[in-house]
Amino acid sequence: MFKVHIFYPNSPGVRFDMAYYTERHMPMVKARIGAACTGFSVEAGLAGGAPGQPALYVAIGSVTITSVEAFGAAMATHGAEVMGDIPNYTDAQPVLQISEIKVG
């Protein structure tokens, strides 16, 4: 199993519509990936590691997938739609990382 993490960097004045992201964007992403997506999660950044420090990321989304190839194929087909939806919920530039799940 693999995870695609989507990090949304926090900065002063960053716009992020958590309701839209959780209720519309991520379910759409899951649907476009299809059976290769076994689930997703969304985290809202609360704080950094030091007292009073802001969270590094305003939000982190994760999509659990069965294979990197299936994710690549889904993004080749639906990537423009997925990426085109980003301005509907944020002005942050997302950073992606694909990881292999070693312990779950």
PDB file of N, CA and C in Angstrom:
ATOM      1  N   MET A   1       0.839  -1.183   0.000  1.00  0.00           N
ATOM      2  CA  MET A   1       0.000   0.000   0.000  1.00  0.00           C
ATOM      3  C   MET A   1       0.881   1.241   0.000  1.00  0.00           C
ATOM      4  N   PHE A   2       0.295   2.313  -0.524  1.00  0.00           N
ATOM      5  CA  PHE A   2       1.027   3.561  -0.667  1.00  0.00           C
ATOM      6  C   PHE A   2       0.126   4.716  -0.237  1.00  0.00           C
ATOM      7  N   LYS A   3       0.752   5.836   0.076  1.00  0.00           N
ATOM      8  CA  LYS A   3       0.006   7.050   0.390  1.00  0.00           C
ATOM      9  C   LYS A   3       0.538   8.194  -0.434  1.00  0.00           C
ATOM     10  N   VAL A   4      -0.389   8.985  -0.915  1.00  0.00           N
ATOM     11  CA  VAL A   4      -0.054  10.250  -1.548  1.00  0.00           C
ATOM     12  C   VAL A   4      -0.416  11.325  -0.525  1.00  0.00           C
ATOM     13  N   HIS A   5       0.591  12.049  -0.053  1.00  0.00           N
ATOM     14  CA  HIS A   5       0.385  13.134   0.902  1.00  0.00           C
ATOM     15  C   HIS A   5       0.370  14.444   0.136  1.00  0.00           C
ATOM     16  N   ILE A   6      -0.571  15.294   0.468  1.00  0.00           N
ATOM     17  CA  ILE A   6      -0.650  16.611  -0.137  1.00  0.00           C
ATOM     18  C   ILE A   6      -0.536  17.625   0.994  1.00  0.00           C
ATOM     19  N   PHE A   7       0.583  18.338   1.027  1.00  0.00           N
ATOM     20  CA  PHE A   7       0.864  19.316   2.071  1.00  0.00           C
ATOM     21  C   PHE A   7       0.522  20.706   1.546  1.00  0.00           C
ATOM     22  N   TYR A   8      -0.206  21.475   2.337  1.00  0.00           N
ATOM     23  CA  TYR A   8      -0.558  22.845   1.982  1.00  0.00           C
ATOM     24  C   TYR A   8       0.163  23.781   2.946  1.00  0.00           C
ATOM     25  N   PRO A   9       1.259  24.409   2.495  1.00  0.00           N
ATOM     26  CA  PRO A   9       2.053  25.256   3.386  1.00  0.00           C
ATOM     27  C   PRO A   9       1.232  26.407   3.987  1.00  0.00           C
ATOM     28  N   ASN A  10       1.486  26.655   5.253  1.00  0.00           N
ATOM     29  CA  ASN A  10       0.834  27.733   5.973  1.00  0.00           C
ATOM     30  C   ASN A  10       1.634  29.017   5.781  1.00  0.00           C
ATOM     31  N   SER A  11       0.951  30.110   5.662  1.00  0.00           N
ATOM     32  CA  SER A  11       1.605  31.419   5.585  1.00  0.00           C
ATOM     33  C   SER A  11       0.590  32.463   6.030  1.00  0.00           C
ATOM     34  N   PRO A  12       1.053  33.635   6.444  1.00  0.00           N
ATOM     35  CA  PRO A  12       0.099  34.666   6.856  1.00  0.00           C
ATOM     36  C   PRO A  12      -0.899  34.978   5.733  1.00  0.00           C
ATOM     37  N   GLY A  13      -2.166  34.945   6.076  1.00  0.00           N
ATOM     38  CA  GLY A  13      -3.215  35.267   5.115  1.00  0.00           C
ATOM     39  C   GLY A  13      -3.589  34.157   4.149  1.00  0.00           C
ATOM     40  N   VAL A  14      -3.024  32.958   4.318  1.00  0.00           N
ATOM     41  CA  VAL A  14      -3.359  31.865   3.411  1.00  0.00           C
ATOM     42  C   VAL A  14      -4.864  31.577   3.489  1.00  0.00           C
ATOM     43  N   ARG A  15      -5.462  31.299   2.345  1.00  0.00           N
ATOM     44  CA  ARG A  15      -6.891  30.966   2.280  1.00  0.00           C
ATOM     45  C   ARG A  15      -7.023  29.451   2.125  1.00  0.00           C
ATOM     46  N   PHE A  16      -7.840  28.855   2.986  1.00  0.00           N
ATOM     47  CA  PHE A  16      -8.095  27.419   2.873  1.00  0.00           C
ATOM     48  C   PHE A  16      -9.502  27.136   3.366  1.00  0.00           C
ATOM     49  N   ASP A  17     -10.356  26.614   2.481  1.00  0.00           N
ATOM     50  CA  ASP A  17     -11.741  26.283   2.801  1.00  0.00           C
ATOM     51  C   ASP A  17     -11.798  24.795   3.153  1.00  0.00           C
ATOM     52  N   MET A  18     -11.708  24.516   4.444  1.00  0.00           N
ATOM     53  CA  MET A  18     -11.655  23.130   4.915  1.00  0.00           C
ATOM     54  C   MET A  18     -12.937  22.373   4.582  1.00  0.00           C
ATOM     55  N   ALA A  19     -14.082  23.017   4.670  1.00  0.00           N
ATOM     56  CA  ALA A  19     -15.348  22.337   4.353  1.00  0.00           C
ATOM     57  C   ALA A  19     -15.360  21.890   2.891  1.00  0.00           C
ATOM     58  N   TYR A  20     -14.959  22.774   1.995  1.00  0.00           N
ATOM     59  CA  TYR A  20     -14.925  22.413   0.575  1.00  0.00           C
ATOM     60  C   TYR A  20     -13.944  21.262   0.349  1.00  0.00           C
ATOM     61  N   TYR A  21     -12.771  21.346   0.965  1.00  0.00           N
ATOM     62  CA  TYR A  21     -11.733  20.323   0.773  1.00  0.00           C
ATOM     63  C   TYR A  21     -12.207  18.953   1.245  1.00  0.00           C
ATOM     64  N   THR A  22     -12.830  18.912   2.422  1.00  0.00           N
ATOM     65  CA  THR A  22     -13.241  17.626   2.992  1.00  0.00           C
ATOM     66  C   THR A  22     -14.515  17.073   2.365  1.00  0.00           C
ATOM     67  N   GLU A  23     -15.436  17.967   1.995  1.00  0.00           N
ATOM     68  CA  GLU A  23     -16.742  17.514   1.520  1.00  0.00           C
ATOM     69  C   GLU A  23     -16.842  17.372   0.003  1.00  0.00           C
ATOM     70  N   ARG A  24     -15.972  18.090  -0.735  1.00  0.00           N
ATOM     71  CA  ARG A  24     -16.087  18.052  -2.198  1.00  0.00           C
ATOM     72  C   ARG A  24     -14.805  17.595  -2.889  1.00  0.00           C
ATOM     73  N   HIS A  25     -13.673  18.251  -2.562  1.00  0.00           N
ATOM     74  CA  HIS A  25     -12.453  17.952  -3.312  1.00  0.00           C
ATOM     75  C   HIS A  25     -11.949  16.528  -3.065  1.00  0.00           C
ATOM     76  N   MET A  26     -11.734  16.181  -1.819  1.00  0.00           N
ATOM     77  CA  MET A  26     -11.162  14.855  -1.551  1.00  0.00           C
ATOM     78  C   MET A  26     -12.094  13.715  -1.977  1.00  0.00           C
ATOM     79  N   PRO A  27     -13.414  13.789  -1.776  1.00  0.00           N
ATOM     80  CA  PRO A  27     -14.272  12.734  -2.326  1.00  0.00           C
ATOM     81  C   PRO A  27     -14.178  12.648  -3.849  1.00  0.00           C
ATOM     82  N   MET A  28     -14.032  13.798  -4.530  1.00  0.00           N
ATOM     83  CA  MET A  28     -13.871  13.793  -5.986  1.00  0.00           C
ATOM     84  C   MET A  28     -12.572  13.095  -6.374  1.00  0.00           C
ATOM     85  N   VAL A  29     -11.486  13.395  -5.648  1.00  0.00           N
ATOM     86  CA  VAL A  29     -10.199  12.749  -5.926  1.00  0.00           C
ATOM     87  C   VAL A  29     -10.336  11.235  -5.760  1.00  0.00           C
ATOM     88  N   LYS A  30     -10.947  10.808  -4.663  1.00  0.00           N
ATOM     89  CA  LYS A  30     -11.147   9.369  -4.418  1.00  0.00           C
ATOM     90  C   LYS A  30     -11.937   8.731  -5.560  1.00  0.00           C
ATOM     91  N   ALA A  31     -12.988   9.389  -5.997  1.00  0.00           N
ATOM     92  CA  ALA A  31     -13.806   8.854  -7.094  1.00  0.00           C
ATOM     93  C   ALA A  31     -13.017   8.754  -8.390  1.00  0.00           C
ATOM     94  N   ARG A  32     -12.179   9.741  -8.672  1.00  0.00           N
ATOM     95  CA  ARG A  32     -11.406   9.729  -9.918  1.00  0.00           C
ATOM     96  C   ARG A  32     -10.313   8.666  -9.895  1.00  0.00           C
ATOM     97  N   ILE A  33      -9.758   8.389  -8.733  1.00  0.00           N
ATOM     98  CA  ILE A  33      -8.749   7.326  -8.637  1.00  0.00           C
ATOM     99  C   ILE A  33      -9.424   5.962  -8.751  1.00  0.00           C
ATOM    100  N   GLY A  34     -10.651   5.857  -8.272  1.00  0.00           N
ATOM    101  CA  GLY A  34     -11.414   4.617  -8.402  1.00  0.00           C
ATOM    102  C   GLY A  34     -11.012   3.565  -7.392  1.00  0.00           C
ATOM    103  N   ALA A  35     -11.103   2.306  -7.800  1.00  0.00           N
ATOM    104  CA  ALA A  35     -10.858   1.180  -6.902  1.00  0.00           C
ATOM    105  C   ALA A  35      -9.442   1.163  -6.330  1.00  0.00           C
ATOM    106  N   ALA A  36      -8.512   1.825  -6.987  1.00  0.00           N
ATOM    107  CA  ALA A  36      -7.130   1.871  -6.485  1.00  0.00           C
ATOM    108  C   ALA A  36      -6.999   2.746  -5.248  1.00  0.00           C
ATOM    109  N   CYS A  37      -8.029   3.541  -4.942  1.00  0.00           N
ATOM    110  CA  CYS A  37      -8.024   4.377  -3.740  1.00  0.00           C
ATOM    111  C   CYS A  37      -8.822   3.670  -2.658  1.00  0.00           C
ATOM    112  N   THR A  38      -8.156   3.325  -1.567  1.00  0.00           N
ATOM    113  CA  THR A  38      -8.833   2.619  -0.486  1.00  0.00           C
ATOM    114  C   THR A  38      -9.306   3.545   0.623  1.00  0.00           C
ATOM    115  N   GLY A  39      -9.013   4.835   0.509  1.00  0.00           N
ATOM    116  CA  GLY A  39      -9.486   5.796   1.501  1.00  0.00           C
ATOM    117  C   GLY A  39      -8.665   7.066   1.474  1.00  0.00           C
ATOM    118  N   PHE A  40      -9.119   8.030   2.270  1.00  0.00           N
ATOM    119  CA  PHE A  40      -8.375   9.281   2.379  1.00  0.00           C
ATOM    120  C   PHE A  40      -8.560   9.849   3.773  1.00  0.00           C
ATOM    121  N   SER A  41      -7.661  10.759   4.147  1.00  0.00           N
ATOM    122  CA  SER A  41      -7.781  11.470   5.410  1.00  0.00           C
ATOM    123  C   SER A  41      -7.408  12.925   5.186  1.00  0.00           C
ATOM    124  N   VAL A  42      -7.885  13.772   6.084  1.00  0.00           N
ATOM    125  CA  VAL A  42      -7.597  15.198   6.037  1.00  0.00           C
ATOM    126  C   VAL A  42      -7.246  15.652   7.448  1.00  0.00           C
ATOM    127  N   GLU A  43      -6.160  16.409   7.549  1.00  0.00           N
ATOM    128  CA  GLU A  43      -5.730  16.955   8.829  1.00  0.00           C
ATOM    129  C   GLU A  43      -5.650  18.467   8.722  1.00  0.00           C
ATOM    130  N   ALA A  44      -6.093  19.161   9.772  1.00  0.00           N
ATOM    131  CA  ALA A  44      -5.987  20.616   9.850  1.00  0.00           C
ATOM    132  C   ALA A  44      -4.835  20.965  10.770  1.00  0.00           C
ATOM    133  N   GLY A  45      -3.906  21.782  10.290  1.00  0.00           N
ATOM    134  CA  GLY A  45      -2.756  22.184  11.100  1.00  0.00           C
ATOM    135  C   GLY A  45      -3.180  23.059  12.260  1.00  0.00           C
ATOM    136  N   LEU A  46      -2.652  22.748  13.448  1.00  0.00           N
ATOM    137  CA  LEU A  46      -2.997  23.514  14.648  1.00  0.00           C
ATOM    138  C   LEU A  46      -1.838  24.331  15.190  1.00  0.00           C
ATOM    139  N   ALA A  47      -0.637  23.733  15.230  1.00  0.00           N
ATOM    140  CA  ALA A  47       0.506  24.420  15.836  1.00  0.00           C
ATOM    141  C   ALA A  47       1.795  23.779  15.354  1.00  0.00           C
ATOM    142  N   GLY A  48       2.881  24.527  15.524  1.00  0.00           N
ATOM    143  CA  GLY A  48       4.199  24.008  15.201  1.00  0.00           C
ATOM    144  C   GLY A  48       4.796  23.288  16.397  1.00  0.00           C
ATOM    145  N   GLY A  49       6.063  22.927  16.290  1.00  0.00           N
ATOM    146  CA  GLY A  49       6.712  22.151  17.341  1.00  0.00           C
ATOM    147  C   GLY A  49       7.086  22.941  18.578  1.00  0.00           C
ATOM    148  N   ALA A  50       7.290  24.229  18.445  1.00  0.00           N
ATOM    149  CA  ALA A  50       7.657  25.074  19.582  1.00  0.00           C
ATOM    150  C   ALA A  50       6.415  25.825  20.074  1.00  0.00           C
ATOM    151  N   PRO A  51       6.378  26.145  21.365  1.00  0.00           N
ATOM    152  CA  PRO A  51       5.229  26.893  21.899  1.00  0.00           C
ATOM    153  C   PRO A  51       4.998  28.195  21.128  1.00  0.00           C
ATOM    154  N   GLY A  52       3.750  28.419  20.746  1.00  0.00           N
ATOM    155  CA  GLY A  52       3.381  29.629  20.046  1.00  0.00           C
ATOM    156  C   GLY A  52       3.713  29.657  18.564  1.00  0.00           C
ATOM    157  N   GLN A  53       4.363  28.618  18.082  1.00  0.00           N
ATOM    158  CA  GLN A  53       4.740  28.561  16.666  1.00  0.00           C
ATOM    159  C   GLN A  53       3.537  28.098  15.840  1.00  0.00           C
ATOM    160  N   PRO A  54       3.268  28.758  14.700  1.00  0.00           N
ATOM    161  CA  PRO A  54       2.148  28.309  13.863  1.00  0.00           C
ATOM    162  C   PRO A  54       2.465  26.981  13.181  1.00  0.00           C
ATOM    163  N   ALA A  55       1.426  26.295  12.773  1.00  0.00           N
ATOM    164  CA  ALA A  55       1.583  25.032  12.044  1.00  0.00           C
ATOM    165  C   ALA A  55       2.335  25.282  10.746  1.00  0.00           C
ATOM    166  N   LEU A  56       3.192  24.355  10.379  1.00  0.00           N
ATOM    167  CA  LEU A  56       3.911  24.451   9.113  1.00  0.00           C
ATOM    168  C   LEU A  56       2.953  24.349   7.932  1.00  0.00           C
ATOM    169  N   TYR A  57       1.925  23.538   8.084  1.00  0.00           N
ATOM    170  CA  TYR A  57       0.954  23.305   7.011  1.00  0.00           C
ATOM    171  C   TYR A  57      -0.437  23.650   7.519  1.00  0.00           C
ATOM    172  N   VAL A  58      -1.199  24.371   6.719  1.00  0.00           N
ATOM    173  CA  VAL A  58      -2.567  24.701   7.067  1.00  0.00           C
ATOM    174  C   VAL A  58      -3.434  23.451   6.998  1.00  0.00           C
ATOM    175  N   ALA A  59      -3.065  22.523   6.115  1.00  0.00           N
ATOM    176  CA  ALA A  59      -3.783  21.259   5.971  1.00  0.00           C
ATOM    177  C   ALA A  59      -2.872  20.223   5.327  1.00  0.00           C
ATOM    178  N   ILE A  60      -3.186  18.961   5.612  1.00  0.00           N
ATOM    179  CA  ILE A  60      -2.501  17.835   4.970  1.00  0.00           C
ATOM    180  C   ILE A  60      -3.577  16.835   4.557  1.00  0.00           C
ATOM    181  N   GLY A  61      -3.605  16.519   3.286  1.00  0.00           N
ATOM    182  CA  GLY A  61      -4.502  15.484   2.794  1.00  0.00           C
ATOM    183  C   GLY A  61      -3.686  14.249   2.458  1.00  0.00           C
ATOM    184  N   SER A  62      -4.271  13.087   2.655  1.00  0.00           N
ATOM    185  CA  SER A  62      -3.610  11.828   2.302  1.00  0.00           C
ATOM    186  C   SER A  62      -4.598  10.918   1.603  1.00  0.00           C
ATOM    187  N   VAL A  63      -4.126  10.292   0.542  1.00  0.00           N
ATOM    188  CA  VAL A  63      -4.937   9.333  -0.204  1.00  0.00           C
ATOM    189  C   VAL A  63      -4.198   7.999  -0.163  1.00  0.00           C
ATOM    190  N   THR A  64      -4.857   6.969   0.327  1.00  0.00           N
ATOM    191  CA  THR A  64      -4.254   5.640   0.370  1.00  0.00           C
ATOM    192  C   THR A  64      -4.572   4.935  -0.940  1.00  0.00           C
ATOM    193  N   ILE A  65      -3.509   4.405  -1.579  1.00  0.00           N
ATOM    194  CA  ILE A  65      -3.667   3.791  -2.903  1.00  0.00           C
ATOM    195  C   ILE A  65      -3.031   2.404  -2.920  1.00  0.00           C
ATOM    196  N   THR A  66      -3.511   1.583  -3.829  1.00  0.00           N
ATOM    197  CA  THR A  66      -2.992   0.218  -3.934  1.00  0.00           C
ATOM    198  C   THR A  66      -1.705   0.148  -4.744  1.00  0.00           C
ATOM    199  N   SER A  67      -1.527   1.105  -5.673  1.00  0.00           N
ATOM    200  CA  SER A  67      -0.292   1.101  -6.459  1.00  0.00           C
ATOM    201  C   SER A  67       0.015   2.500  -6.982  1.00  0.00           C
ATOM    202  N   VAL A  68       1.281   2.782  -7.099  1.00  0.00           N
ATOM    203  CA  VAL A  68       1.730   4.061  -7.637  1.00  0.00           C
ATOM    204  C   VAL A  68       1.334   4.174  -9.106  1.00  0.00           C
ATOM    205  N   GLU A  69       1.396   3.066  -9.819  1.00  0.00           N
ATOM    206  CA  GLU A  69       1.035   3.056 -11.237  1.00  0.00           C
ATOM    207  C   GLU A  69      -0.436   3.414 -11.441  1.00  0.00           C
ATOM    208  N   ALA A  70      -1.305   2.875 -10.599  1.00  0.00           N
ATOM    209  CA  ALA A  70      -2.737   3.182 -10.709  1.00  0.00           C
ATOM    210  C   ALA A  70      -2.990   4.657 -10.431  1.00  0.00           C
ATOM    211  N   PHE A  71      -2.270   5.213  -9.462  1.00  0.00           N
ATOM    212  CA  PHE A  71      -2.403   6.643  -9.173  1.00  0.00           C
ATOM    213  C   PHE A  71      -1.942   7.462 -10.376  1.00  0.00           C
ATOM    214  N   GLY A  72      -0.813   7.084 -10.949  1.00  0.00           N
ATOM    215  CA  GLY A  72      -0.291   7.782 -12.120  1.00  0.00           C
ATOM    216  C   GLY A  72      -1.268   7.742 -13.284  1.00  0.00           C
ATOM    217  N   ALA A  73      -1.877   6.592 -13.500  1.00  0.00           N
ATOM    218  CA  ALA A  73      -2.845   6.450 -14.584  1.00  0.00           C
ATOM    219  C   ALA A  73      -4.078   7.324 -14.336  1.00  0.00           C
ATOM    220  N   ALA A  74      -4.547   7.350 -13.089  1.00  0.00           N
ATOM    221  CA  ALA A  74      -5.707   8.181 -12.754  1.00  0.00           C
ATOM    222  C   ALA A  74      -5.390   9.657 -12.942  1.00  0.00           C
ATOM    223  N   MET A  75      -4.187  10.066 -12.546  1.00  0.00           N
ATOM    224  CA  MET A  75      -3.814  11.471 -12.689  1.00  0.00           C
ATOM    225  C   MET A  75      -3.592  11.835 -14.156  1.00  0.00           C
ATOM    226  N   ALA A  76      -3.116  10.898 -14.947  1.00  0.00           N
ATOM    227  CA  ALA A  76      -2.951  11.166 -16.376  1.00  0.00           C
ATOM    228  C   ALA A  76      -4.309  11.442 -17.019  1.00  0.00           C
ATOM    229  N   THR A  77      -5.333  10.747 -16.544  1.00  0.00           N
ATOM    230  CA  THR A  77      -6.679  10.906 -17.079  1.00  0.00           C
ATOM    231  C   THR A  77      -7.418  12.090 -16.458  1.00  0.00           C
ATOM    232  N   HIS A  78      -7.304  12.249 -15.135  1.00  0.00           N
ATOM    233  CA  HIS A  78      -8.131  13.222 -14.412  1.00  0.00           C
ATOM    234  C   HIS A  78      -7.330  14.347 -13.749  1.00  0.00           C
ATOM    235  N   GLY A  79      -6.028  14.383 -13.970  1.00  0.00           N
ATOM    236  CA  GLY A  79      -5.180  15.375 -13.301  1.00  0.00           C
ATOM    237  C   GLY A  79      -5.591  16.815 -13.546  1.00  0.00           C
ATOM    238  N   ALA A  80      -5.984  17.138 -14.753  1.00  0.00           N
ATOM    239  CA  ALA A  80      -6.379  18.522 -15.054  1.00  0.00           C
ATOM    240  C   ALA A  80      -7.608  18.924 -14.237  1.00  0.00           C
ATOM    241  N   GLU A  81      -8.556  18.018 -14.093  1.00  0.00           N
ATOM    242  CA  GLU A  81      -9.752  18.298 -13.293  1.00  0.00           C
ATOM    243  C   GLU A  81      -9.389  18.457 -11.819  1.00  0.00           C
ATOM    244  N   VAL A  82      -8.577  17.535 -11.295  1.00  0.00           N
ATOM    245  CA  VAL A  82      -8.171  17.575  -9.890  1.00  0.00           C
ATOM    246  C   VAL A  82      -7.395  18.859  -9.602  1.00  0.00           C
ATOM    247  N   MET A  83      -6.405  19.157 -10.412  1.00  0.00           N
ATOM    248  CA  MET A  83      -5.584  20.347 -10.197  1.00  0.00           C
ATOM    249  C   MET A  83      -6.390  21.624 -10.449  1.00  0.00           C
ATOM    250  N   GLY A  84      -7.312  21.581 -11.382  1.00  0.00           N
ATOM    251  CA  GLY A  84      -8.138  22.739 -11.682  1.00  0.00           C
ATOM    252  C   GLY A  84      -9.094  23.109 -10.561  1.00  0.00           C
ATOM    253  N   ASP A  85      -9.346  22.173  -9.651  1.00  0.00           N
ATOM    254  CA  ASP A  85     -10.251  22.418  -8.531  1.00  0.00           C
ATOM    255  C   ASP A  85      -9.557  23.136  -7.372  1.00  0.00           C
ATOM    256  N   ILE A  86      -8.236  23.147  -7.351  1.00  0.00           N
ATOM    257  CA  ILE A  86      -7.490  23.713  -6.223  1.00  0.00           C
ATOM    258  C   ILE A  86      -7.885  25.154  -5.915  1.00  0.00           C
ATOM    259  N   PRO A  87      -8.014  26.040  -6.899  1.00  0.00           N
ATOM    260  CA  PRO A  87      -8.389  27.425  -6.570  1.00  0.00           C
ATOM    261  C   PRO A  87      -9.752  27.564  -5.892  1.00  0.00           C
ATOM    262  N   ASN A  88     -10.582  26.529  -5.945  1.00  0.00           N
ATOM    263  CA  ASN A  88     -11.881  26.580  -5.272  1.00  0.00           C
ATOM    264  C   ASN A  88     -11.764  26.512  -3.760  1.00  0.00           C
ATOM    265  N   TYR A  89     -10.618  26.050  -3.228  1.00  0.00           N
ATOM    266  CA  TYR A  89     -10.498  25.940  -1.779  1.00  0.00           C
ATOM    267  C   TYR A  89      -9.230  26.551  -1.189  1.00  0.00           C
ATOM    268  N   THR A  90      -8.232  26.880  -2.006  1.00  0.00           N
ATOM    269  CA  THR A  90      -7.015  27.454  -1.417  1.00  0.00           C
ATOM    270  C   THR A  90      -6.228  28.270  -2.429  1.00  0.00           C
ATOM    271  N   ASP A  91      -5.383  29.126  -1.882  1.00  0.00           N
ATOM    272  CA  ASP A  91      -4.413  29.838  -2.705  1.00  0.00           C
ATOM    273  C   ASP A  91      -2.993  29.361  -2.382  1.00  0.00           C
ATOM    274  N   ALA A  92      -2.889  28.328  -1.548  1.00  0.00           N
ATOM    275  CA  ALA A  92      -1.585  27.729  -1.221  1.00  0.00           C
ATOM    276  C   ALA A  92      -1.130  26.831  -2.377  1.00  0.00           C
ATOM    277  N   GLN A  93       0.172  26.701  -2.544  1.00  0.00           N
ATOM    278  CA  GLN A  93       0.740  25.801  -3.549  1.00  0.00           C
ATOM    279  C   GLN A  93       0.975  24.438  -2.901  1.00  0.00           C
ATOM    280  N   PRO A  94       0.223  23.405  -3.278  1.00  0.00           N
ATOM    281  CA  PRO A  94       0.393  22.103  -2.648  1.00  0.00           C
ATOM    282  C   PRO A  94       1.734  21.455  -3.000  1.00  0.00           C
ATOM    283  N   VAL A  95       2.231  20.670  -2.047  1.00  0.00           N
ATOM    284  CA  VAL A  95       3.458  19.894  -2.219  1.00  0.00           C
ATOM    285  C   VAL A  95       3.075  18.432  -2.048  1.00  0.00           C
ATOM    286  N   LEU A  96       3.415  17.588  -3.029  1.00  0.00           N
ATOM    287  CA  LEU A  96       3.056  16.173  -2.969  1.00  0.00           C
ATOM    288  C   LEU A  96       4.238  15.304  -2.598  1.00  0.00           C
ATOM    289  N   GLN A  97       3.932  14.235  -1.882  1.00  0.00           N
ATOM    290  CA  GLN A  97       4.918  13.188  -1.610  1.00  0.00           C
ATOM    291  C   GLN A  97       4.198  11.854  -1.678  1.00  0.00           C
ATOM    292  N   ILE A  98       4.788  10.917  -2.384  1.00  0.00           N
ATOM    293  CA  ILE A  98       4.257   9.548  -2.434  1.00  0.00           C
ATOM    294  C   ILE A  98       5.143   8.697  -1.546  1.00  0.00           C
ATOM    295  N   SER A  99       4.512   7.937  -0.644  1.00  0.00           N
ATOM    296  CA  SER A  99       5.243   7.122   0.321  1.00  0.00           C
ATOM    297  C   SER A  99       4.734   5.685   0.286  1.00  0.00           C
ATOM    298  N   GLU A 100       5.612   4.774   0.622  1.00  0.00           N
ATOM    299  CA  GLU A 100       5.199   3.384   0.813  1.00  0.00           C
ATOM    300  C   GLU A 100       4.890   3.179   2.282  1.00  0.00           C
ATOM    301  N   ILE A 101       3.729   2.592   2.580  1.00  0.00           N
ATOM    302  CA  ILE A 101       3.334   2.349   3.962  1.00  0.00           C
ATOM    303  C   ILE A 101       4.094   1.126   4.462  1.00  0.00           C
ATOM    304  N   LYS A 102       4.859   1.307   5.510  1.00  0.00           N
ATOM    305  CA  LYS A 102       5.638   0.203   6.096  1.00  0.00           C
ATOM    306  C   LYS A 102       4.937  -0.383   7.316  1.00  0.00           C
ATOM    307  N   VAL A 103       4.248   0.445   8.088  1.00  0.00           N
ATOM    308  CA  VAL A 103       3.485  -0.003   9.244  1.00  0.00           C
ATOM    309  C   VAL A 103       2.181   0.776   9.219  1.00  0.00           C
ATOM    310  N   GLY A 104       1.067   0.095   9.403  1.00  0.00           N
ATOM    311  CA  GLY A 104      -0.195   0.804   9.290  1.00  0.00           C
ATOM    312  C   GLY A 104      -1.149   0.551  10.336  1.00  0.00           C
TER     313      GLY A 104
END
